[in-house]
Amino acid sequence: MDAIRYHPLLLFVLSLLAMWLAARAGAFVRGKKSLDNDGLRQDFDVVQAATLTLLGLIIGFSFSMAIGRYDQRKNLEEAEANAIGTAYVRADLLPAADGDKLRPLLRDYLDQRILFYTVRDADQVAAMDARTARLQSELWATIRGPAAAHPTPIVGLVVVAINDVLNAQGYSQAAFWNRIPAAAWGLMLAMALCANFLVGYGSRNSRMGYALLFVLPLVVGISFMLIADIDTPRRGLIHVLPQNLMSLAESLRPR
């Protein structure tokens, strides 16, 4: 399940097939048993309605979790752009030579943070992470000398700004790792299979009835794909566009 939920389209295809087979299995079992008794039919309708309602609630809660994580990634991208912009401005508070060293490092670091949101290939992500870590070390080394030589409140503002830049990267990375748990996906899939089995079991033995068995798997499969797409930062179609970081990079580009 861990591997499948990282690929929204694959999740859609496999879940659609599994739920459709569950519905057909229910219809097959229905052909061997009878629901003609009014009391039995009423009890079955109650169970079926309750199962479908519970499935809808679980999908709704999971969608809400995915949207919350997406909004968190957007907010942290904005906060990261603000932190880098503040550090760049406060570089003017350093001695001229130290400020001239810090600004190019911040521009290079900003480019790497834009790549963090746009790169999809695993090898490129690894290379970007390595360069980001190296630039963080260089940023801290650049500010450590002036802070030791001039331990004043003014220089302290620059130290705090660089510290905020480094912390912002950690928060953004944690948000990318924060995903809907695999157990929640397993629960949704189990409920979906059960619901589709019951829908198939309660279907009419007709050509139209069999055709309608495809509707619920399709709708639920699309829901699963959308949730997985939003919850997968580096795959699918829905991503956080680093608009704030790109706007900052444009404004800091030497004229």
Protein backbone atom coordinates (compact mmCIF):
# COMPACT_ATOMS: atom_id res chain seq x y z
CA MET A 1 0.00 0.00 0.00
CA ASP A 2 2.88 2.39 0.75
CA ALA A 3 4.19 2.16 -2.82
CA ILE A 4 0.77 2.42 -4.46
CA ARG A 5 -0.34 5.56 -2.61
CA TYR A 6 2.66 7.44 -4.02
CA HIS A 7 1.30 6.88 -7.56
CA PRO A 8 -2.22 8.41 -7.83
CA LEU A 9 -3.00 7.05 -11.30
CA LEU A 10 -1.92 3.52 -10.38
CA LEU A 11 -4.00 3.78 -7.20
CA PHE A 12 -7.01 4.79 -9.28
CA VAL A 13 -6.68 1.86 -11.70
CA LEU A 14 -6.09 -0.78 -9.02
CA SER A 15 -8.79 0.50 -6.66
CA LEU A 16 -11.30 0.77 -9.54
CA LEU A 17 -10.61 -2.82 -10.56
CA ALA A 18 -10.75 -4.14 -6.99
CA MET A 19 -14.02 -2.36 -6.17
CA TRP A 20 -15.65 -3.43 -9.44
CA LEU A 21 -14.70 -7.04 -8.76
CA ALA A 22 -16.13 -6.69 -5.24
CA ALA A 23 -19.40 -5.39 -6.70
CA ARG A 24 -19.55 -8.25 -9.21
CA ALA A 25 -18.81 -10.71 -6.40
CA GLY A 26 -21.74 -9.29 -4.48
CA ALA A 27 -23.98 -9.64 -7.52
CA PHE A 28 -22.80 -13.25 -7.97
CA VAL A 29 -23.63 -14.11 -4.36
CA ARG A 30 -26.94 -12.29 -4.74
CA GLY A 31 -27.84 -14.64 -7.58
CA LYS A 32 -27.65 -17.60 -5.20
CA LYS A 33 -29.68 -16.06 -2.39
CA SER A 34 -32.95 -14.21 -2.20
CA LEU A 35 -33.87 -10.83 -0.70
CA ASP A 36 -37.53 -11.14 -1.57
CA ASN A 37 -38.55 -11.14 2.08
CA ASP A 38 -39.64 -7.59 3.00
CA GLY A 39 -38.09 -7.71 6.48
CA LEU A 40 -34.80 -9.01 5.15
CA ARG A 41 -34.76 -6.38 2.41
CA GLN A 42 -35.33 -3.58 4.95
CA ASP A 43 -32.54 -4.85 7.21
CA PHE A 44 -30.20 -5.09 4.24
CA ASP A 45 -31.05 -1.54 3.10
CA VAL A 46 -30.19 -0.23 6.59
CA VAL A 47 -26.82 -1.99 6.58
CA GLN A 48 -26.05 -0.87 3.04
CA ALA A 49 -26.96 2.77 3.74
CA ALA A 50 -24.90 2.80 6.95
CA THR A 51 -21.87 1.34 5.16
CA LEU A 52 -22.08 3.84 2.30
CA THR A 53 -22.50 6.71 4.77
CA LEU A 54 -19.47 5.59 6.74
CA LEU A 55 -17.44 5.27 3.53
CA GLY A 56 -18.42 8.80 2.53
CA LEU A 57 -17.39 10.15 5.95
CA ILE A 58 -14.01 8.42 5.83
CA ILE A 59 -13.33 9.74 2.32
CA GLY A 60 -14.40 13.22 3.43
CA PHE A 61 -12.12 13.17 6.48
CA SER A 62 -9.19 11.90 4.38
CA PHE A 63 -9.77 14.60 1.78
CA SER A 64 -9.80 17.19 4.58
CA MET A 65 -6.50 15.81 5.90
CA ALA A 66 -4.93 16.03 2.43
CA ILE A 67 -6.16 19.61 1.91
CA GLY A 68 -4.83 20.60 5.34
CA ARG A 69 -1.37 19.28 4.50
CA TYR A 70 -1.46 21.02 1.10
CA ASP A 71 -2.34 24.35 2.74
CA GLN A 72 0.44 23.80 5.28
CA ARG A 73 2.99 23.35 2.48
CA LYS A 74 1.75 26.56 0.81
CA ASN A 75 2.00 28.55 4.05
CA LEU A 76 5.49 27.24 4.77
CA GLU A 77 6.63 28.18 1.25
CA GLU A 78 5.46 31.74 1.91
CA ALA A 79 7.18 31.78 5.31
CA GLU A 80 10.41 30.50 3.76
CA ALA A 81 10.38 33.26 1.14
CA ASN A 82 9.84 35.86 3.88
CA ALA A 83 12.71 34.44 5.94
CA ILE A 84 15.15 34.50 3.02
CA GLY A 85 14.08 38.00 2.00
CA THR A 86 14.55 39.27 5.56
CA ALA A 87 18.01 37.70 5.80
CA TYR A 88 19.00 39.26 2.49
CA VAL A 89 17.96 42.73 3.64
CA ARG A 90 19.67 42.35 7.03
CA ALA A 91 22.93 41.48 5.29
CA ASP A 92 23.34 45.26 4.97
CA LEU A 93 23.88 45.35 8.75
CA LEU A 94 27.12 43.38 8.43
CA PRO A 95 30.49 44.81 7.50
CA ALA A 96 30.65 45.38 3.75
CA ALA A 97 32.96 42.43 3.03
CA ASP A 98 30.84 39.97 5.02
CA GLY A 99 27.63 41.26 3.47
CA ASP A 100 29.08 40.80 -0.01
CA LYS A 101 29.82 37.16 0.84
CA LEU A 102 26.39 36.49 2.32
CA ARG A 103 24.18 37.85 -0.47
CA PRO A 104 25.38 35.53 -3.28
CA LEU A 105 25.04 32.56 -0.94
CA LEU A 106 21.46 33.54 -0.17
CA ARG A 107 20.65 33.86 -3.89
CA ASP A 108 22.12 30.41 -4.57
CA TYR A 109 20.22 29.02 -1.60
CA LEU A 110 17.02 30.58 -2.89
CA ASP A 111 17.48 28.83 -6.23
CA GLN A 112 17.79 25.50 -4.43
CA ARG A 113 14.62 26.16 -2.44
CA ILE A 114 12.73 26.80 -5.69
CA LEU A 115 14.03 23.47 -7.01
CA PHE A 116 12.75 21.82 -3.83
CA TYR A 117 9.19 22.57 -4.96
CA THR A 118 9.64 21.92 -8.68
CA VAL A 119 11.99 18.92 -9.03
CA ARG A 120 10.31 15.52 -9.44
CA ASP A 121 13.16 13.13 -10.29
CA ALA A 122 14.55 11.25 -7.26
CA ASP A 123 18.19 11.67 -8.33
CA GLN A 124 17.72 15.40 -8.83
CA VAL A 125 16.06 15.65 -5.43
CA ALA A 126 19.03 13.92 -3.79
CA ALA A 127 21.49 16.26 -5.54
CA MET A 128 19.40 19.27 -4.56
CA ASP A 129 19.27 18.15 -0.93
CA ALA A 130 23.05 17.73 -0.84
CA ARG A 131 23.66 21.20 -2.30
CA THR A 132 21.11 22.71 0.09
CA ALA A 133 22.91 21.17 3.08
CA ARG A 134 26.26 22.49 1.81
CA LEU A 135 24.85 25.99 1.31
CA GLN A 136 23.37 25.94 4.80
CA SER A 137 26.80 25.16 6.24
CA GLU A 138 28.34 27.98 4.20
CA LEU A 139 25.66 30.42 5.29
CA TRP A 140 26.24 29.64 8.94
CA ALA A 141 30.03 29.76 8.54
CA THR A 142 29.75 33.15 6.82
CA ILE A 143 27.74 34.67 9.66
CA ARG A 144 29.62 32.98 12.48
CA GLY A 145 32.80 35.03 11.96
CA PRO A 146 31.18 38.49 12.10
CA ALA A 147 29.02 37.40 15.05
CA ALA A 148 32.12 36.38 17.03
CA ALA A 149 34.08 39.48 16.02
CA HIS A 150 31.20 41.92 16.60
CA PRO A 151 28.81 40.47 19.22
CA THR A 152 26.38 43.39 19.03
CA PRO A 153 22.57 43.42 18.92
CA ILE A 154 22.74 44.65 15.31
CA VAL A 155 24.76 41.65 14.16
CA GLY A 156 22.50 39.48 16.30
CA LEU A 157 19.59 40.45 14.06
CA VAL A 158 21.43 38.93 11.09
CA VAL A 159 22.21 35.76 13.06
CA VAL A 160 18.54 35.39 13.96
CA ALA A 161 17.55 35.94 10.32
CA ILE A 162 19.93 33.21 9.08
CA ASN A 163 18.71 30.90 11.82
CA ASP A 164 15.12 31.48 10.64
CA VAL A 165 16.17 30.62 7.07
CA LEU A 166 17.64 27.31 8.21
CA ASN A 167 14.62 26.49 10.40
CA ALA A 168 12.19 27.30 7.58
CA GLN A 169 13.81 24.65 5.39
CA GLY A 170 13.35 22.05 8.12
CA TYR A 171 9.69 22.93 8.56
CA SER A 172 9.07 22.69 4.79
CA GLN A 173 10.81 19.33 4.58
CA ALA A 174 8.77 17.99 7.49
CA ALA A 175 5.57 19.13 5.76
CA PHE A 176 6.56 17.18 2.63
CA TRP A 177 7.08 14.06 4.74
CA ASN A 178 3.76 14.50 6.57
CA ARG A 179 1.36 12.24 4.68
CA ILE A 180 -1.95 10.47 5.29
CA PRO A 181 -1.06 7.28 7.23
CA ALA A 182 -1.06 3.97 5.37
CA ALA A 183 -3.50 2.63 7.97
CA ALA A 184 -6.05 5.27 6.95
CA TRP A 185 -5.67 4.23 3.31
CA GLY A 186 -6.14 0.59 4.28
CA LEU A 187 -9.30 1.45 6.20
CA MET A 188 -10.72 3.41 3.26
CA LEU A 189 -10.01 0.58 0.85
CA ALA A 190 -11.56 -2.02 3.16
CA MET A 191 -14.70 0.10 3.57
CA ALA A 192 -14.88 0.70 -0.19
CA LEU A 193 -14.65 -3.01 -0.96
CA CYS A 194 -17.32 -3.82 1.62
CA ALA A 195 -19.62 -1.07 0.32
CA ASN A 196 -19.26 -2.19 -3.29
CA PHE A 197 -19.93 -5.79 -2.32
CA LEU A 198 -23.15 -4.72 -0.63
CA VAL A 199 -24.15 -2.59 -3.62
CA GLY A 200 -23.61 -5.58 -5.89
CA TYR A 201 -25.49 -7.84 -3.52
CA GLY A 202 -28.48 -5.51 -3.56
CA SER A 203 -28.50 -4.93 -7.32
CA ARG A 204 -31.18 -6.14 -9.70
CA ASN A 205 -30.47 -9.03 -12.03
CA SER A 206 -30.60 -6.99 -15.23
CA ARG A 207 -28.24 -5.60 -17.83
CA MET A 208 -28.77 -2.07 -16.53
CA GLY A 209 -28.20 -3.22 -12.97
CA TYR A 210 -24.84 -4.73 -13.90
CA ALA A 211 -23.87 -1.56 -15.76
CA LEU A 212 -24.64 0.57 -12.71
CA LEU A 213 -22.23 -1.54 -10.65
CA PHE A 214 -19.42 0.35 -12.37
CA VAL A 215 -20.60 3.78 -11.14
CA LEU A 216 -19.67 3.53 -7.45
CA PRO A 217 -16.19 2.06 -8.10
CA LEU A 218 -15.55 4.85 -10.63
CA VAL A 219 -16.65 7.64 -8.26
CA VAL A 220 -14.77 6.26 -5.27
CA GLY A 221 -11.68 5.53 -7.42
CA ILE A 222 -11.60 9.14 -8.62
CA SER A 223 -11.90 10.29 -5.00
CA PHE A 224 -8.98 8.09 -4.00
CA MET A 225 -6.88 9.43 -6.90
CA LEU A 226 -7.65 13.05 -5.97
CA ILE A 227 -6.75 12.50 -2.32
CA ALA A 228 -3.51 10.73 -3.26
CA ASP A 229 -2.64 13.45 -5.78
CA ILE A 230 -3.05 16.25 -3.25
CA ASP A 231 -1.22 14.24 -0.58
CA THR A 232 1.75 13.41 -2.87
CA PRO A 233 3.87 16.59 -3.25
CA ARG A 234 6.22 15.34 -5.97
CA ARG A 235 3.85 13.25 -8.10
CA GLY A 236 0.52 13.69 -9.79
CA LEU A 237 -0.85 16.97 -11.11
CA ILE A 238 -1.50 19.09 -8.02
CA HIS A 239 1.63 20.74 -6.56
CA VAL A 240 2.57 23.76 -4.52
CA LEU A 241 3.91 26.34 -6.97
CA PRO A 242 6.70 28.36 -5.25
CA GLN A 243 5.31 31.69 -6.40
CA ASN A 244 6.68 33.63 -3.42
CA LEU A 245 10.17 32.16 -3.78
CA MET A 246 10.23 32.79 -7.53
CA SER A 247 9.02 36.36 -7.06
CA LEU A 248 11.75 36.92 -4.46
CA ALA A 249 14.39 35.43 -6.77
CA GLU A 250 13.30 37.80 -9.53
CA SER A 251 13.52 40.81 -7.21
CA LEU A 252 16.99 39.82 -5.92
CA ARG A 253 18.47 39.12 -9.35
CA PRO A 254 21.37 41.52 -10.04
CA ARG A 255 20.37 44.19 -12.56
